[in-house]
PDB file of N, CA and C in Angstrom:
ATOM      1  N   UNK A   1       0.851  -1.179   0.000  1.00  0.00           N
ATOM      2  CA  UNK A   1       0.000   0.000   0.000  1.00  0.00           C
ATOM      3  C   UNK A   1       0.888   1.231   0.000  1.00  0.00           C
ATOM      4  N   UNK A   2       0.520   2.208  -0.792  1.00  0.00           N
ATOM      5  CA  UNK A   2       1.216   3.491  -0.752  1.00  0.00           C
ATOM      6  C   UNK A   2       0.247   4.597  -1.148  1.00  0.00           C
ATOM      7  N   UNK A   3       0.500   5.788  -0.622  1.00  0.00           N
ATOM      8  CA  UNK A   3      -0.264   6.980  -0.999  1.00  0.00           C
ATOM      9  C   UNK A   3       0.495   8.207  -0.535  1.00  0.00           C
ATOM     10  N   UNK A   4       0.179   9.338  -1.178  1.00  0.00           N
ATOM     11  CA  UNK A   4       0.786  10.612  -0.812  1.00  0.00           C
ATOM     12  C   UNK A   4      -0.139  11.359   0.148  1.00  0.00           C
ATOM     13  N   UNK A   5       0.453  12.117   1.041  1.00  0.00           N
ATOM     14  CA  UNK A   5      -0.293  12.972   1.960  1.00  0.00           C
ATOM     15  C   UNK A   5      -0.689  14.225   1.179  1.00  0.00           C
ATOM     16  N   UNK A   6      -1.966  14.552   1.189  1.00  0.00           N
ATOM     17  CA  UNK A   6      -2.482  15.669   0.389  1.00  0.00           C
ATOM     18  C   UNK A   6      -1.801  16.993   0.712  1.00  0.00           C
ATOM     19  N   UNK A   7      -1.573  17.254   1.981  1.00  0.00           N
ATOM     20  CA  UNK A   7      -1.074  18.557   2.417  1.00  0.00           C
ATOM     21  C   UNK A   7       0.363  18.845   1.970  1.00  0.00           C
ATOM     22  N   UNK A   8       1.230  17.813   1.979  1.00  0.00           N
ATOM     23  CA  UNK A   8       2.649  18.080   1.738  1.00  0.00           C
ATOM     24  C   UNK A   8       3.300  17.177   0.690  1.00  0.00           C
ATOM     25  N   UNK A   9       2.529  16.288   0.091  1.00  0.00           N
ATOM     26  CA  UNK A   9       3.006  15.364  -0.942  1.00  0.00           C
ATOM     27  C   UNK A   9       4.078  14.392  -0.462  1.00  0.00           C
ATOM     28  N   UNK A  10       4.217  14.227   0.868  1.00  0.00           N
ATOM     29  CA  UNK A  10       5.080  13.168   1.379  1.00  0.00           C
ATOM     30  C   UNK A  10       4.364  11.848   1.112  1.00  0.00           C
ATOM     31  N   UNK A  11       5.128  10.771   1.021  1.00  0.00           N
ATOM     32  CA  UNK A  11       4.528   9.491   0.646  1.00  0.00           C
ATOM     33  C   UNK A  11       4.676   8.463   1.764  1.00  0.00           C
ATOM     34  N   UNK A  12       3.582   7.786   2.052  1.00  0.00           N
ATOM     35  CA  UNK A  12       3.549   6.710   3.026  1.00  0.00           C
ATOM     36  C   UNK A  12       3.546   5.396   2.257  1.00  0.00           C
ATOM     37  N   UNK A  13       4.413   4.471   2.666  1.00  0.00           N
ATOM     38  CA  UNK A  13       4.463   3.158   2.018  1.00  0.00           C
ATOM     39  C   UNK A  13       4.498   2.068   3.073  1.00  0.00           C
ATOM     40  N   UNK A  14       3.754   1.009   2.816  1.00  0.00           N
ATOM     41  CA  UNK A  14       3.864  -0.220   3.587  1.00  0.00           C
ATOM     42  C   UNK A  14       4.554  -1.215   2.674  1.00  0.00           C
ATOM     43  N   UNK A  15       5.674  -1.750   3.143  1.00  0.00           N
ATOM     44  CA  UNK A  15       6.498  -2.629   2.322  1.00  0.00           C
ATOM     45  C   UNK A  15       6.710  -3.937   3.065  1.00  0.00           C
ATOM     46  N   UNK A  16       6.591  -5.053   2.357  1.00  0.00           N
ATOM     47  CA  UNK A  16       6.894  -6.360   2.927  1.00  0.00           C
ATOM     48  C   UNK A  16       8.243  -6.805   2.366  1.00  0.00           C
ATOM     49  N   UNK A  17       9.184  -7.098   3.274  1.00  0.00           N
ATOM     50  CA  UNK A  17      10.529  -7.508   2.891  1.00  0.00           C
ATOM     51  C   UNK A  17      10.679  -9.010   3.134  1.00  0.00           C
ATOM     52  N   UNK A  18      11.248  -9.705   2.170  1.00  0.00           N
ATOM     53  CA  UNK A  18      11.469 -11.158   2.251  1.00  0.00           C
ATOM     54  C   UNK A  18      10.192 -11.934   2.542  1.00  0.00           C
ATOM     55  N   UNK A  19       9.063 -11.388   2.134  1.00  0.00           N
ATOM     56  CA  UNK A  19       7.748 -12.009   2.307  1.00  0.00           C
ATOM     57  C   UNK A  19       7.422 -12.318   3.759  1.00  0.00           C
ATOM     58  N   UNK A  20       8.104 -11.632   4.720  1.00  0.00           N
ATOM     59  CA  UNK A  20       7.844 -11.958   6.114  1.00  0.00           C
ATOM     60  C   UNK A  20       7.837 -10.783   7.088  1.00  0.00           C
ATOM     61  N   UNK A  21       8.370  -9.634   6.703  1.00  0.00           N
ATOM     62  CA  UNK A  21       8.455  -8.511   7.638  1.00  0.00           C
ATOM     63  C   UNK A  21       7.842  -7.264   7.021  1.00  0.00           C
ATOM     64  N   UNK A  22       6.910  -6.658   7.750  1.00  0.00           N
ATOM     65  CA  UNK A  22       6.236  -5.444   7.303  1.00  0.00           C
ATOM     66  C   UNK A  22       6.998  -4.223   7.796  1.00  0.00           C
ATOM     67  N   UNK A  23       7.162  -3.239   6.917  1.00  0.00           N
ATOM     68  CA  UNK A  23       7.793  -1.968   7.254  1.00  0.00           C
ATOM     69  C   UNK A  23       6.870  -0.820   6.859  1.00  0.00           C
ATOM     70  N   UNK A  24       6.905   0.240   7.665  1.00  0.00           N
ATOM     71  CA  UNK A  24       6.240   1.510   7.374  1.00  0.00           C
ATOM     72  C   UNK A  24       7.353   2.464   6.979  1.00  0.00           C
ATOM     73  N   UNK A  25       7.220   3.104   5.829  1.00  0.00           N
ATOM     74  CA  UNK A  25       8.231   4.055   5.367  1.00  0.00           C
ATOM     75  C   UNK A  25       7.524   5.356   4.994  1.00  0.00           C
ATOM     76  N   UNK A  26       8.064   6.470   5.458  1.00  0.00           N
ATOM     77  CA  UNK A  26       7.513   7.789   5.176  1.00  0.00           C
ATOM     78  C   UNK A  26       8.584   8.565   4.413  1.00  0.00           C
ATOM     79  N   UNK A  27       8.283   8.934   3.172  1.00  0.00           N
ATOM     80  CA  UNK A  27       9.248   9.583   2.289  1.00  0.00           C
ATOM     81  C   UNK A  27       8.944  11.061   2.097  1.00  0.00           C
ATOM     82  N   UNK A  28       9.997  11.868   2.038  1.00  0.00           N
ATOM     83  CA  UNK A  28       9.856  13.272   1.685  1.00  0.00           C
ATOM     84  C   UNK A  28       9.536  13.358   0.192  1.00  0.00           C
ATOM     85  N   UNK A  29       9.030  14.505  -0.287  1.00  0.00           N
ATOM     86  CA  UNK A  29       8.721  14.629  -1.712  1.00  0.00           C
ATOM     87  C   UNK A  29       9.909  14.342  -2.639  1.00  0.00           C
ATOM     88  N   UNK A  30      11.140  14.543  -2.151  1.00  0.00           N
ATOM     89  CA  UNK A  30      12.323  14.272  -2.977  1.00  0.00           C
ATOM     90  C   UNK A  30      12.742  12.804  -2.935  1.00  0.00           C
ATOM     91  N   UNK A  31      11.972  11.948  -2.228  1.00  0.00           N
ATOM     92  CA  UNK A  31      12.245  10.520  -2.189  1.00  0.00           C
ATOM     93  C   UNK A  31      13.123  10.063  -1.036  1.00  0.00           C
ATOM     94  N   UNK A  32      13.651  10.999  -0.239  1.00  0.00           N
ATOM     95  CA  UNK A  32      14.471  10.627   0.909  1.00  0.00           C
ATOM     96  C   UNK A  32      13.586  10.138   2.054  1.00  0.00           C
ATOM     97  N   UNK A  33      14.073   9.153   2.792  1.00  0.00           N
ATOM     98  CA  UNK A  33      13.317   8.595   3.912  1.00  0.00           C
ATOM     99  C   UNK A  33      13.314   9.585   5.072  1.00  0.00           C
ATOM    100  N   UNK A  34      12.118   9.958   5.524  1.00  0.00           N
ATOM    101  CA  UNK A  34      11.979  10.816   6.696  1.00  0.00           C
ATOM    102  C   UNK A  34      11.853   9.973   7.957  1.00  0.00           C
ATOM    103  N   UNK A  35      11.152   8.831   7.842  1.00  0.00           N
ATOM    104  CA  UNK A  35      10.904   7.974   8.988  1.00  0.00           C
ATOM    105  C   UNK A  35      10.611   6.567   8.485  1.00  0.00           C
ATOM    106  N   UNK A  36      11.128   5.568   9.181  1.00  0.00           N
ATOM    107  CA  UNK A  36      10.757   4.191   8.871  1.00  0.00           C
ATOM    108  C   UNK A  36      10.594   3.424  10.183  1.00  0.00           C
ATOM    109  N   UNK A  37       9.792   2.376  10.120  1.00  0.00           N
ATOM    110  CA  UNK A  37       9.503   1.567  11.303  1.00  0.00           C
ATOM    111  C   UNK A  37       9.218   0.149  10.862  1.00  0.00           C
ATOM    112  N   UNK A  38       9.687  -0.852  11.550  1.00  0.00           N
ATOM    113  CA  UNK A  38      10.605  -0.778  12.686  1.00  0.00           C
ATOM    114  C   UNK A  38      12.015  -0.427  12.241  1.00  0.00           C
ATOM    115  N   UNK A  39      12.797   0.021  13.218  1.00  0.00           N
ATOM    116  CA  UNK A  39      14.177   0.415  12.966  1.00  0.00           C
ATOM    117  C   UNK A  39      15.085  -0.590  13.670  1.00  0.00           C
ATOM    118  N   UNK A  40      16.210  -0.895  13.070  1.00  0.00           N
ATOM    119  CA  UNK A  40      17.172  -1.791  13.710  1.00  0.00           C
ATOM    120  C   UNK A  40      16.756  -3.239  13.617  1.00  0.00           C
ATOM    121  N   UNK A  41      17.216  -4.007  14.590  1.00  0.00           N
ATOM    122  CA  UNK A  41      16.981  -5.449  14.585  1.00  0.00           C
ATOM    123  C   UNK A  41      15.497  -5.765  14.753  1.00  0.00           C
ATOM    124  N   UNK A  42      15.008  -6.654  13.927  1.00  0.00           N
ATOM    125  CA  UNK A  42      13.607  -7.066  13.990  1.00  0.00           C
ATOM    126  C   UNK A  42      13.486  -8.228  14.950  1.00  0.00           C
ATOM    127  N   UNK A  43      12.571  -8.092  15.891  1.00  0.00           N
ATOM    128  CA  UNK A  43      12.325  -9.197  16.810  1.00  0.00           C
ATOM    129  C   UNK A  43      11.047  -9.905  16.388  1.00  0.00           C
ATOM    130  N   UNK A  44      10.689 -10.927  17.099  1.00  0.00           N
ATOM    131  CA  UNK A  44       9.461 -11.650  16.802  1.00  0.00           C
ATOM    132  C   UNK A  44       8.246 -10.967  17.422  1.00  0.00           C
ATOM    133  N   UNK A  45       8.452  -9.799  18.028  1.00  0.00           N
ATOM    134  CA  UNK A  45       7.323  -9.066  18.605  1.00  0.00           C
ATOM    135  C   UNK A  45       6.361  -8.657  17.508  1.00  0.00           C
ATOM    136  N   UNK A  46       5.126  -8.577  17.849  1.00  0.00           N
ATOM    137  CA  UNK A  46       4.095  -8.151  16.909  1.00  0.00           C
ATOM    138  C   UNK A  46       4.037  -6.629  16.948  1.00  0.00           C
ATOM    139  N   UNK A  47       4.875  -5.966  16.121  1.00  0.00           N
ATOM    140  CA  UNK A  47       4.988  -4.518  16.124  1.00  0.00           C
ATOM    141  C   UNK A  47       3.731  -3.826  15.617  1.00  0.00           C
ATOM    142  N   UNK A  48       3.050  -4.457  14.653  1.00  0.00           N
ATOM    143  CA  UNK A  48       1.865  -3.879  14.021  1.00  0.00           C
ATOM    144  C   UNK A  48       0.623  -4.641  14.451  1.00  0.00           C
ATOM    145  N   UNK A  49      -0.480  -3.922  14.516  1.00  0.00           N
ATOM    146  CA  UNK A  49      -1.778  -4.543  14.787  1.00  0.00           C
ATOM    147  C   UNK A  49      -2.708  -4.152  13.652  1.00  0.00           C
ATOM    148  N   UNK A  50      -3.381  -5.142  13.069  1.00  0.00           N
ATOM    149  CA  UNK A  50      -4.293  -4.849  11.972  1.00  0.00           C
ATOM    150  C   UNK A  50      -5.695  -5.288  12.337  1.00  0.00           C
ATOM    151  N   UNK A  51      -6.649  -4.446  11.981  1.00  0.00           N
ATOM    152  CA  UNK A  51      -8.057  -4.772  12.099  1.00  0.00           C
ATOM    153  C   UNK A  51      -8.594  -4.747  10.677  1.00  0.00           C
ATOM    154  N   UNK A  52      -8.647  -5.914  10.045  1.00  0.00           N
ATOM    155  CA  UNK A  52      -9.048  -5.981   8.633  1.00  0.00           C
ATOM    156  C   UNK A  52     -10.513  -5.627   8.436  1.00  0.00           C
ATOM    157  N   UNK A  53     -11.354  -5.866   9.462  1.00  0.00           N
ATOM    158  CA  UNK A  53     -12.770  -5.509   9.327  1.00  0.00           C
ATOM    159  C   UNK A  53     -12.951  -4.006   9.215  1.00  0.00           C
ATOM    160  N   UNK A  54     -12.085  -3.257   9.893  1.00  0.00           N
ATOM    161  CA  UNK A  54     -12.199  -1.796   9.875  1.00  0.00           C
ATOM    162  C   UNK A  54     -11.128  -1.148   9.015  1.00  0.00           C
ATOM    163  N   UNK A  55     -10.315  -1.951   8.333  1.00  0.00           N
ATOM    164  CA  UNK A  55      -9.236  -1.445   7.481  1.00  0.00           C
ATOM    165  C   UNK A  55      -8.375  -0.411   8.202  1.00  0.00           C
ATOM    166  N   UNK A  56      -7.785  -0.850   9.344  1.00  0.00           N
ATOM    167  CA  UNK A  56      -6.908   0.006  10.130  1.00  0.00           C
ATOM    168  C   UNK A  56      -5.662  -0.781  10.524  1.00  0.00           C
ATOM    169  N   UNK A  57      -4.505  -0.142  10.407  1.00  0.00           N
ATOM    170  CA  UNK A  57      -3.235  -0.730  10.810  1.00  0.00           C
ATOM    171  C   UNK A  57      -2.607   0.224  11.814  1.00  0.00           C
ATOM    172  N   UNK A  58      -2.240  -0.291  12.987  1.00  0.00           N
ATOM    173  CA  UNK A  58      -1.748   0.554  14.067  1.00  0.00           C
ATOM    174  C   UNK A  58      -0.382   0.066  14.543  1.00  0.00           C
ATOM    175  N   UNK A  59       0.487   1.019  14.926  1.00  0.00           N
ATOM    176  CA  UNK A  59       1.725   0.674  15.607  1.00  0.00           C
ATOM    177  C   UNK A  59       2.131   1.834  16.497  1.00  0.00           C
ATOM    178  N   UNK A  60       2.943   1.516  17.516  1.00  0.00           N
ATOM    179  CA  UNK A  60       3.464   2.510  18.440  1.00  0.00           C
ATOM    180  C   UNK A  60       4.955   2.651  18.219  1.00  0.00           C
ATOM    181  N   UNK A  61       5.422   3.886  18.259  1.00  0.00           N
ATOM    182  CA  UNK A  61       6.852   4.173  18.246  1.00  0.00           C
ATOM    183  C   UNK A  61       7.097   5.059  19.453  1.00  0.00           C
ATOM    184  N   UNK A  62       7.530   4.446  20.547  1.00  0.00           N
ATOM    185  CA  UNK A  62       7.635   5.173  21.804  1.00  0.00           C
ATOM    186  C   UNK A  62       6.251   5.579  22.264  1.00  0.00           C
ATOM    187  N   UNK A  63       6.063   6.870  22.556  1.00  0.00           N
ATOM    188  CA  UNK A  63       4.760   7.349  23.021  1.00  0.00           C
ATOM    189  C   UNK A  63       3.881   7.862  21.880  1.00  0.00           C
ATOM    190  N   UNK A  64       4.295   7.630  20.638  1.00  0.00           N
ATOM    191  CA  UNK A  64       3.525   8.082  19.479  1.00  0.00           C
ATOM    192  C   UNK A  64       2.791   6.885  18.872  1.00  0.00           C
ATOM    193  N   UNK A  65       1.487   7.069  18.612  1.00  0.00           N
ATOM    194  CA  UNK A  65       0.670   6.012  18.008  1.00  0.00           C
ATOM    195  C   UNK A  65       0.327   6.425  16.584  1.00  0.00           C
ATOM    196  N   UNK A  66       0.578   5.518  15.653  1.00  0.00           N
ATOM    197  CA  UNK A  66       0.258   5.731  14.237  1.00  0.00           C
ATOM    198  C   UNK A  66      -0.876   4.784  13.870  1.00  0.00           C
ATOM    199  N   UNK A  67      -1.885   5.305  13.196  1.00  0.00           N
ATOM    200  CA  UNK A  67      -2.980   4.462  12.723  1.00  0.00           C
ATOM    201  C   UNK A  67      -3.272   4.807  11.263  1.00  0.00           C
ATOM    202  N   UNK A  68      -2.941   3.878  10.388  1.00  0.00           N
ATOM    203  CA  UNK A  68      -3.239   4.040   8.967  1.00  0.00           C
ATOM    204  C   UNK A  68      -4.661   3.560   8.759  1.00  0.00           C
ATOM    205  N   UNK A  69      -5.463   4.360   8.094  1.00  0.00           N
ATOM    206  CA  UNK A  69      -6.868   3.999   7.895  1.00  0.00           C
ATOM    207  C   UNK A  69      -7.238   4.093   6.421  1.00  0.00           C
ATOM    208  N   UNK A  70      -8.219   3.283   6.072  1.00  0.00           N
ATOM    209  CA  UNK A  70      -8.781   3.298   4.723  1.00  0.00           C
ATOM    210  C   UNK A  70     -10.286   3.095   4.888  1.00  0.00           C
ATOM    211  N   UNK A  71     -11.057   4.118   4.591  1.00  0.00           N
ATOM    212  CA  UNK A  71     -12.512   4.017   4.696  1.00  0.00           C
ATOM    213  C   UNK A  71     -13.082   3.747   3.313  1.00  0.00           C
ATOM    214  N   UNK A  72     -14.022   2.805   3.271  1.00  0.00           N
ATOM    215  CA  UNK A  72     -14.573   2.383   1.989  1.00  0.00           C
ATOM    216  C   UNK A  72     -16.081   2.558   1.948  1.00  0.00           C
ATOM    217  N   UNK A  73     -16.590   2.661   0.738  1.00  0.00           N
ATOM    218  CA  UNK A  73     -18.015   2.622   0.458  1.00  0.00           C
ATOM    219  C   UNK A  73     -18.194   1.591  -0.654  1.00  0.00           C
ATOM    220  N   UNK A  74     -18.784   0.466  -0.307  1.00  0.00           N
ATOM    221  CA  UNK A  74     -18.983  -0.622  -1.269  1.00  0.00           C
ATOM    222  C   UNK A  74     -17.674  -1.040  -1.931  1.00  0.00           C
ATOM    223  N   UNK A  75     -16.675  -1.353  -1.106  1.00  0.00           N
ATOM    224  CA  UNK A  75     -15.372  -1.850  -1.562  1.00  0.00           C
ATOM    225  C   UNK A  75     -14.498  -0.816  -2.263  1.00  0.00           C
ATOM    226  N   UNK A  76     -14.966   0.416  -2.408  1.00  0.00           N
ATOM    227  CA  UNK A  76     -14.153   1.464  -3.028  1.00  0.00           C
ATOM    228  C   UNK A  76     -13.692   2.435  -1.944  1.00  0.00           C
ATOM    229  N   UNK A  77     -12.398   2.733  -1.939  1.00  0.00           N
ATOM    230  CA  UNK A  77     -11.856   3.667  -0.944  1.00  0.00           C
ATOM    231  C   UNK A  77     -12.440   5.054  -1.161  1.00  0.00           C
ATOM    232  N   UNK A  78     -12.923   5.666  -0.068  1.00  0.00           N
ATOM    233  CA  UNK A  78     -13.449   7.027  -0.136  1.00  0.00           C
ATOM    234  C   UNK A  78     -12.532   8.015   0.581  1.00  0.00           C
ATOM    235  N   UNK A  79     -11.714   7.512   1.506  1.00  0.00           N
ATOM    236  CA  UNK A  79     -10.651   8.322   2.086  1.00  0.00           C
ATOM    237  C   UNK A  79      -9.618   7.420   2.735  1.00  0.00           C
ATOM    238  N   UNK A  80      -8.426   7.960   2.836  1.00  0.00           N
ATOM    239  CA  UNK A  80      -7.287   7.217   3.375  1.00  0.00           C
ATOM    240  C   UNK A  80      -6.402   8.229   4.076  1.00  0.00           C
ATOM    241  N   UNK A  81      -5.618   7.750   5.020  1.00  0.00           N
ATOM    242  CA  UNK A  81      -4.712   8.651   5.706  1.00  0.00           C
ATOM    243  C   UNK A  81      -4.051   7.976   6.885  1.00  0.00           C
ATOM    244  N   UNK A  82      -3.398   8.787   7.697  1.00  0.00           N
ATOM    245  CA  UNK A  82      -2.751   8.279   8.902  1.00  0.00           C
ATOM    246  C   UNK A  82      -3.049   9.245  10.047  1.00  0.00           C
ATOM    247  N   UNK A  83      -3.531   8.668  11.152  1.00  0.00           N
ATOM    248  CA  UNK A  83      -3.747   9.432  12.374  1.00  0.00           C
ATOM    249  C   UNK A  83      -2.498   9.270  13.228  1.00  0.00           C
ATOM    250  N   UNK A  84      -1.956  10.377  13.689  1.00  0.00           N
ATOM    251  CA  UNK A  84      -0.775  10.346  14.545  1.00  0.00           C
ATOM    252  C   UNK A  84      -1.171  10.965  15.875  1.00  0.00           C
ATOM    253  N   UNK A  85      -1.054  10.176  16.956  1.00  0.00           N
ATOM    254  CA  UNK A  85      -1.421  10.646  18.290  1.00  0.00           C
ATOM    255  C   UNK A  85      -0.166  10.763  19.136  1.00  0.00           C
ATOM    256  N   UNK A  86       0.069  11.986  19.617  1.00  0.00           N
ATOM    257  CA  UNK A  86       1.228  12.264  20.466  1.00  0.00           C
ATOM    258  C   UNK A  86       0.792  13.213  21.570  1.00  0.00           C
ATOM    259  N   UNK A  87       1.163  12.897  22.797  1.00  0.00           N
ATOM    260  CA  UNK A  87       0.813  13.712  23.972  1.00  0.00           C
ATOM    261  C   UNK A  87      -0.681  14.014  24.040  1.00  0.00           C
ATOM    262  N   UNK A  88      -1.509  13.016  23.710  1.00  0.00           N
ATOM    263  CA  UNK A  88      -2.958  13.171  23.808  1.00  0.00           C
ATOM    264  C   UNK A  88      -3.616  13.918  22.659  1.00  0.00           C
ATOM    265  N   UNK A  89      -2.852  14.416  21.720  1.00  0.00           N
ATOM    266  CA  UNK A  89      -3.416  15.127  20.566  1.00  0.00           C
ATOM    267  C   UNK A  89      -3.296  14.251  19.332  1.00  0.00           C
ATOM    268  N   UNK A  90      -4.356  14.231  18.521  1.00  0.00           N
ATOM    269  CA  UNK A  90      -4.366  13.427  17.305  1.00  0.00           C
ATOM    270  C   UNK A  90      -4.368  14.332  16.085  1.00  0.00           C
ATOM    271  N   UNK A  91      -3.476  14.016  15.160  1.00  0.00           N
ATOM    272  CA  UNK A  91      -3.353  14.763  13.918  1.00  0.00           C
ATOM    273  C   UNK A  91      -3.726  13.827  12.772  1.00  0.00           C
ATOM    274  N   UNK A  92      -4.557  14.304  11.870  1.00  0.00           N
ATOM    275  CA  UNK A  92      -5.027  13.506  10.741  1.00  0.00           C
ATOM    276  C   UNK A  92      -4.345  13.985   9.467  1.00  0.00           C
ATOM    277  N   UNK A  93      -3.452  13.149   8.946  1.00  0.00           N
ATOM    278  CA  UNK A  93      -2.798  13.456   7.674  1.00  0.00           C
ATOM    279  C   UNK A  93      -3.567  12.706   6.587  1.00  0.00           C
ATOM    280  N   UNK A  94      -4.431  13.428   5.909  1.00  0.00           N
ATOM    281  CA  UNK A  94      -5.297  12.823   4.898  1.00  0.00           C
ATOM    282  C   UNK A  94      -4.497  12.513   3.638  1.00  0.00           C
ATOM    283  N   UNK A  95      -4.803  11.344   3.065  1.00  0.00           N
ATOM    284  CA  UNK A  95      -4.116  10.911   1.863  1.00  0.00           C
ATOM    285  C   UNK A  95      -4.826  11.346   0.595  1.00  0.00           C
ATOM    286  N   UNK A  96      -4.070  11.416  -0.480  1.00  0.00           N
ATOM    287  CA  UNK A  96      -4.586  11.741  -1.804  1.00  0.00           C
ATOM    288  C   UNK A  96      -4.991  10.431  -2.480  1.00  0.00           C
ATOM    289  N   UNK A  97      -6.308  10.220  -2.656  1.00  0.00           N
ATOM    290  CA  UNK A  97      -6.802   8.974  -3.238  1.00  0.00           C
ATOM    291  C   UNK A  97      -6.268   8.720  -4.642  1.00  0.00           C
ATOM    292  N   UNK A  98      -5.989   9.778  -5.389  1.00  0.00           N
ATOM    293  CA  UNK A  98      -5.501   9.570  -6.757  1.00  0.00           C
ATOM    294  C   UNK A  98      -4.084   8.993  -6.776  1.00  0.00           C
ATOM    295  N   UNK A  99      -3.363   9.097  -5.665  1.00  0.00           N
ATOM    296  CA  UNK A  99      -2.001   8.566  -5.591  1.00  0.00           C
ATOM    297  C   UNK A  99      -1.956   7.168  -4.962  1.00  0.00           C
ATOM    298  N   UNK A 100      -3.088   6.687  -4.508  1.00  0.00           N
ATOM    299  CA  UNK A 100      -3.160   5.425  -3.777  1.00  0.00           C
ATOM    300  C   UNK A 100      -2.880   4.225  -4.684  1.00  0.00           C
ATOM    301  N   UNK A 101      -1.992   3.343  -4.178  1.00  0.00           N
ATOM    302  CA  UNK A 101      -1.699   2.079  -4.851  1.00  0.00           C
ATOM    303  C   UNK A 101      -1.864   0.979  -3.820  1.00  0.00           C
ATOM    304  N   UNK A 102      -2.653  -0.032  -4.135  1.00  0.00           N
ATOM    305  CA  UNK A 102      -2.887  -1.117  -3.202  1.00  0.00           C
ATOM    306  C   UNK A 102      -3.976  -0.776  -2.211  1.00  0.00           C
ATOM    307  N   UNK A 103      -4.096  -1.610  -1.186  1.00  0.00           N
ATOM    308  CA  UNK A 103      -5.149  -1.451  -0.193  1.00  0.00           C
ATOM    309  C   UNK A 103      -4.758  -2.210   1.070  1.00  0.00           C
ATOM    310  N   UNK A 104      -5.215  -1.732   2.220  1.00  0.00           N
ATOM    311  CA  UNK A 104      -4.969  -2.469   3.457  1.00  0.00           C
ATOM    312  C   UNK A 104      -5.601  -3.855   3.392  1.00  0.00           C
ATOM    313  N   UNK A 105      -6.768  -3.940   2.793  1.00  0.00           N
ATOM    314  CA  UNK A 105      -7.463  -5.227   2.732  1.00  0.00           C
ATOM    315  C   UNK A 105      -6.773  -6.209   1.788  1.00  0.00           C
ATOM    316  N   UNK A 106      -5.892  -5.717   0.912  1.00  0.00           N
ATOM    317  CA  UNK A 106      -5.176  -6.595  -0.007  1.00  0.00           C
ATOM    318  C   UNK A 106      -3.877  -7.156   0.573  1.00  0.00           C
ATOM    319  N   UNK A 107      -3.483  -6.682   1.767  1.00  0.00           N
ATOM    320  CA  UNK A 107      -2.241  -7.170   2.352  1.00  0.00           C
ATOM    321  C   UNK A 107      -2.337  -8.672   2.625  1.00  0.00           C
ATOM    322  N   UNK A 108      -1.359  -9.423   2.164  1.00  0.00           N
ATOM    323  CA  UNK A 108      -1.300 -10.854   2.434  1.00  0.00           C
ATOM    324  C   UNK A 108      -0.516 -11.035   3.724  1.00  0.00           C
ATOM    325  N   UNK A 109      -1.217 -11.374   4.795  1.00  0.00           N
ATOM    326  CA  UNK A 109      -0.625 -11.382   6.124  1.00  0.00           C
ATOM    327  C   UNK A 109      -0.165 -12.754   6.602  1.00  0.00           C
ATOM    328  N   UNK A 110      -0.375 -13.771   5.802  1.00  0.00           N
ATOM    329  CA  UNK A 110      -0.110 -15.145   6.243  1.00  0.00           C
ATOM    330  C   UNK A 110       1.311 -15.364   6.755  1.00  0.00           C
ATOM    331  N   UNK A 111       2.316 -14.859   6.057  1.00  0.00           N
ATOM    332  CA  UNK A 111       3.703 -15.128   6.421  1.00  0.00           C
ATOM    333  C   UNK A 111       4.370 -13.989   7.183  1.00  0.00           C
ATOM    334  N   UNK A 112       3.671 -12.881   7.360  1.00  0.00           N
ATOM    335  CA  UNK A 112       4.287 -11.721   8.014  1.00  0.00           C
ATOM    336  C   UNK A 112       4.425 -11.987   9.505  1.00  0.00           C
ATOM    337  N   UNK A 113       5.653 -11.848  10.007  1.00  0.00           N
ATOM    338  CA  UNK A 113       5.930 -12.240  11.390  1.00  0.00           C
ATOM    339  C   UNK A 113       5.823 -11.113  12.412  1.00  0.00           C
ATOM    340  N   UNK A 114       5.645  -9.875  11.980  1.00  0.00           N
ATOM    341  CA  UNK A 114       5.611  -8.768  12.953  1.00  0.00           C
ATOM    342  C   UNK A 114       4.260  -8.049  12.950  1.00  0.00           C
ATOM    343  N   UNK A 115       3.195  -8.827  12.757  1.00  0.00           N
ATOM    344  CA  UNK A 115       1.852  -8.234  12.747  1.00  0.00           C
ATOM    345  C   UNK A 115       0.903  -9.094  13.578  1.00  0.00           C
ATOM    346  N   UNK A 116       0.077  -8.420  14.347  1.00  0.00           N
ATOM    347  CA  UNK A 116      -0.947  -9.088  15.147  1.00  0.00           C
ATOM    348  C   UNK A 116      -2.278  -8.857  14.463  1.00  0.00           C
ATOM    349  N   UNK A 117      -2.969  -9.936  14.160  1.00  0.00           N
ATOM    350  CA  UNK A 117      -4.250  -9.831  13.459  1.00  0.00           C
ATOM    351  C   UNK A 117      -5.384  -9.812  14.465  1.00  0.00           C
ATOM    352  N   UNK A 118      -6.345  -8.900  14.258  1.00  0.00           N
ATOM    353  CA  UNK A 118      -7.524  -8.811  15.136  1.00  0.00           C
ATOM    354  C   UNK A 118      -8.735  -9.281  14.395  1.00  0.00           C
TER     355      UNK A 118
END
């Protein structure tokens, strides 16, 4: 799954490496990585939590909670984005649907070792 943030054209990508590990990557408009998760050595911990019924993927990085969402109407995405909650405040970075590739519901989670399915 990937999409650009409407406000600043930064790009959010979910990438599966070696068919077993999920990564969140946030790119600046020039393609440089601004943030990626997880960082460093990957453990068997379930870093990500997915709720496929609600098309939401959540992870924590320290005291910051990230929730990628995809809202649909009859199987078609009507909005997408990422909610970032820090110090009790939530910021909604809305995605540009025209830049969207893939879908949360299309993620093949069978072999991914760092995701908890709800």
